[in-house]
Protein backbone atom coordinates (compact mmCIF):
# COMPACT_ATOMS: atom_id res chain seq x y z
CA UNK A 1 -106.17 -131.70 182.36
CA UNK A 2 -104.63 -129.53 179.75
CA UNK A 3 -104.88 -125.85 178.71
CA UNK A 4 -104.24 -125.06 175.10
CA UNK A 5 -103.63 -121.46 173.86
CA UNK A 6 -105.98 -120.76 170.96
CA UNK A 7 -106.84 -117.74 168.86
CA UNK A 8 -110.18 -117.62 170.76
CA UNK A 9 -108.41 -117.69 174.20
CA UNK A 10 -107.20 -120.40 176.54
CA UNK A 11 -109.07 -123.68 176.18
CA UNK A 12 -108.98 -126.16 179.02
CA UNK A 13 -110.11 -129.78 178.83
CA UNK A 14 -110.23 -132.63 181.25
CA UNK A 15 -111.00 -136.26 180.63
CA UNK A 16 -111.21 -139.89 181.87
CA UNK A 17 -108.39 -141.26 179.58
CA UNK A 18 -110.86 -142.19 176.75
CA UNK A 19 -113.22 -139.18 176.47
CA UNK A 20 -113.31 -135.48 177.11
CA UNK A 21 -115.55 -134.95 180.29
CA UNK A 22 -115.39 -131.16 180.36
CA UNK A 23 -114.07 -128.31 178.35
CA UNK A 24 -114.06 -124.52 178.65
CA UNK A 25 -112.68 -121.31 177.15
CA UNK A 26 -110.78 -120.58 180.39
CA UNK A 27 -107.75 -121.53 182.31
CA UNK A 28 -109.78 -123.52 184.85
CA UNK A 29 -112.83 -125.59 184.86
CA UNK A 30 -115.73 -125.31 187.41
CA UNK A 31 -114.98 -127.96 190.06
CA UNK A 32 -118.42 -129.34 190.00
CA UNK A 33 -118.11 -130.24 186.31
CA UNK A 34 -115.39 -132.95 186.37
CA UNK A 35 -112.36 -134.07 188.25
CA UNK A 36 -109.04 -133.30 186.62
CA UNK A 37 -108.05 -136.30 184.53
CA UNK A 38 -106.21 -137.52 181.46
CA UNK A 39 -107.27 -135.96 178.14
CA UNK A 40 -106.94 -138.33 175.16
CA UNK A 41 -104.10 -137.21 172.83
CA UNK A 42 -106.46 -137.49 169.93
CA UNK A 43 -108.72 -134.81 171.51
CA UNK A 44 -105.78 -132.43 171.89
CA UNK A 45 -104.69 -133.00 168.28
CA UNK A 46 -108.30 -132.54 167.10
CA UNK A 47 -108.64 -129.17 168.91
CA UNK A 48 -105.45 -127.97 167.34
CA UNK A 49 -106.58 -129.19 163.86
CA UNK A 50 -109.88 -127.33 164.47
CA UNK A 51 -108.12 -124.05 165.05
CA UNK A 52 -105.93 -124.80 161.99
CA UNK A 53 -109.04 -124.84 159.86
CA UNK A 54 -110.11 -128.54 159.85
CA UNK A 55 -113.59 -128.15 161.33
CA UNK A 56 -114.39 -131.87 160.94
CA UNK A 57 -111.49 -132.75 163.26
CA UNK A 58 -113.68 -132.53 166.35
CA UNK A 59 -116.28 -134.97 165.03
CA UNK A 60 -114.47 -138.08 166.23
CA UNK A 61 -113.56 -136.85 169.64
CA UNK A 62 -115.17 -139.03 172.38
CA UNK A 63 -117.12 -137.02 174.99
CA UNK A 64 -118.83 -138.17 178.23
CA UNK A 65 -121.28 -135.90 179.98
CA UNK A 66 -124.46 -136.93 181.73
CA UNK A 67 -127.77 -135.37 182.56
CA UNK A 68 -131.49 -135.79 181.95
CA UNK A 69 -132.41 -137.75 178.79
CA UNK A 70 -133.57 -134.64 176.91
CA UNK A 71 -130.30 -132.73 177.62
CA UNK A 72 -128.29 -135.71 176.44
CA UNK A 73 -130.38 -135.73 173.32
CA UNK A 74 -129.63 -132.10 172.78
CA UNK A 75 -125.86 -132.61 173.21
CA UNK A 76 -126.00 -135.46 170.74
CA UNK A 77 -127.90 -133.31 168.23
CA UNK A 78 -125.46 -130.40 168.72
CA UNK A 79 -122.59 -132.69 167.54
CA UNK A 80 -124.43 -133.29 164.18
CA UNK A 81 -124.77 -129.58 163.36
CA UNK A 82 -122.50 -128.35 160.52
CA UNK A 83 -123.63 -124.78 160.86
CA UNK A 84 -125.66 -122.36 162.91
CA UNK A 85 -129.28 -123.08 163.84
CA UNK A 86 -131.77 -121.28 166.00
CA UNK A 87 -132.99 -122.67 169.44
CA UNK A 88 -136.29 -123.35 167.75
CA UNK A 89 -134.65 -125.44 165.09
CA UNK A 90 -132.63 -127.36 167.68
CA UNK A 91 -135.92 -128.20 169.45
CA UNK A 92 -137.35 -129.35 166.09
CA UNK A 93 -134.27 -131.48 165.34
CA UNK A 94 -134.74 -133.27 168.75
CA UNK A 95 -138.31 -134.12 167.73
CA UNK A 96 -139.76 -131.73 170.26
CA UNK A 97 -140.65 -128.53 168.39
CA UNK A 98 -142.35 -126.96 171.41
CA UNK A 99 -139.40 -127.62 173.68
CA UNK A 100 -137.46 -124.42 172.74
CA UNK A 101 -136.65 -123.46 176.33
CA UNK A 102 -135.52 -127.05 177.04
CA UNK A 103 -133.31 -126.97 174.02
CA UNK A 104 -131.84 -123.67 175.23
CA UNK A 105 -131.07 -125.39 178.51
CA UNK A 106 -129.29 -128.09 176.62
CA UNK A 107 -126.97 -125.33 175.45
CA UNK A 108 -126.72 -123.61 178.80
CA UNK A 109 -125.88 -126.80 180.72
CA UNK A 110 -123.38 -128.18 178.15
CA UNK A 111 -120.01 -128.75 179.92
CA UNK A 112 -117.91 -129.51 176.89
CA UNK A 113 -117.45 -126.31 174.99
CA UNK A 114 -116.43 -126.41 171.35
CA UNK A 115 -116.55 -130.22 170.95
CA UNK A 116 -120.28 -130.08 171.76
CA UNK A 117 -120.73 -126.99 169.63
CA UNK A 118 -123.54 -125.06 171.49
CA UNK A 119 -121.90 -121.92 170.13
CA UNK A 120 -123.67 -122.83 166.82
CA UNK A 121 -127.09 -122.07 168.35
CA UNK A 122 -128.49 -118.53 167.77
CA UNK A 123 -131.69 -116.70 168.64
CA UNK A 124 -134.54 -116.93 166.11
CA UNK A 125 -133.79 -113.49 164.79
CA UNK A 126 -130.20 -114.61 164.00
CA UNK A 127 -128.54 -112.56 166.85
CA UNK A 128 -125.94 -114.34 168.98
CA UNK A 129 -127.93 -114.84 172.17
CA UNK A 130 -125.75 -115.88 175.09
CA UNK A 131 -122.58 -117.91 175.57
CA UNK A 132 -121.03 -118.93 178.80
CA UNK A 133 -117.53 -117.99 177.58
CA UNK A 134 -118.51 -114.61 176.21
CA UNK A 135 -119.97 -113.36 172.98
CA UNK A 136 -116.50 -112.44 171.67
CA UNK A 137 -115.49 -116.08 171.79
CA UNK A 138 -118.83 -117.19 170.26
CA UNK A 139 -118.45 -114.66 167.45
CA UNK A 140 -114.84 -115.68 166.84
CA UNK A 141 -115.82 -119.36 166.54
CA UNK A 142 -118.69 -118.75 164.14
CA UNK A 143 -116.54 -116.48 162.01
CA UNK A 144 -113.81 -119.10 161.90
CA UNK A 145 -116.20 -121.83 161.00
CA UNK A 146 -117.78 -119.65 158.26
CA UNK A 147 -114.25 -118.93 156.84
CA UNK A 148 -113.33 -122.67 156.73
CA UNK A 149 -116.60 -124.24 155.62
C-alpha cells in the first residue's frame, strides 16, 4: 500500500503486485475493500504523471475489482471516457439506456478512485452530483482534466 501526496489531497492505493485493487483520496482505505498489498511501480508513476498533466498515463494501469456483471461493465466503460458524461449517457454507453440508477451504482461502488474515473460522471443537468471523496476533489479533478485536454 502507498499514499501519494497530490494537489487534490492524499491518494492511497493498494494492489496485488500486478494490478491496483483499491484506491482512495484519503490516507487509508476501507478495510472491506482490499487487503494491503504491493502496488505496481507503473501505477505509482502513472498517478504522478497524471497529476503532472499527462491524463492518458492512467490508461495503461492494470486494475482488479469484482462485482456483479453490470457493475464490472460500468467500470470498464468508465475507463474509456475521455471527458465528462451524464449518468444517463453512461447507461446508454453500457447498452442499457434505462439503467440510469444501475449506472449510478457503478460509480458509487467503484473502489478504484481516479484510475476508474467515476469522477467524470455528472448529473443530467451538468451539476457535479456526488463523489465519495468530496465535491472539492471531484471539481479539482475535472478542472485539472479540462486544463490538460
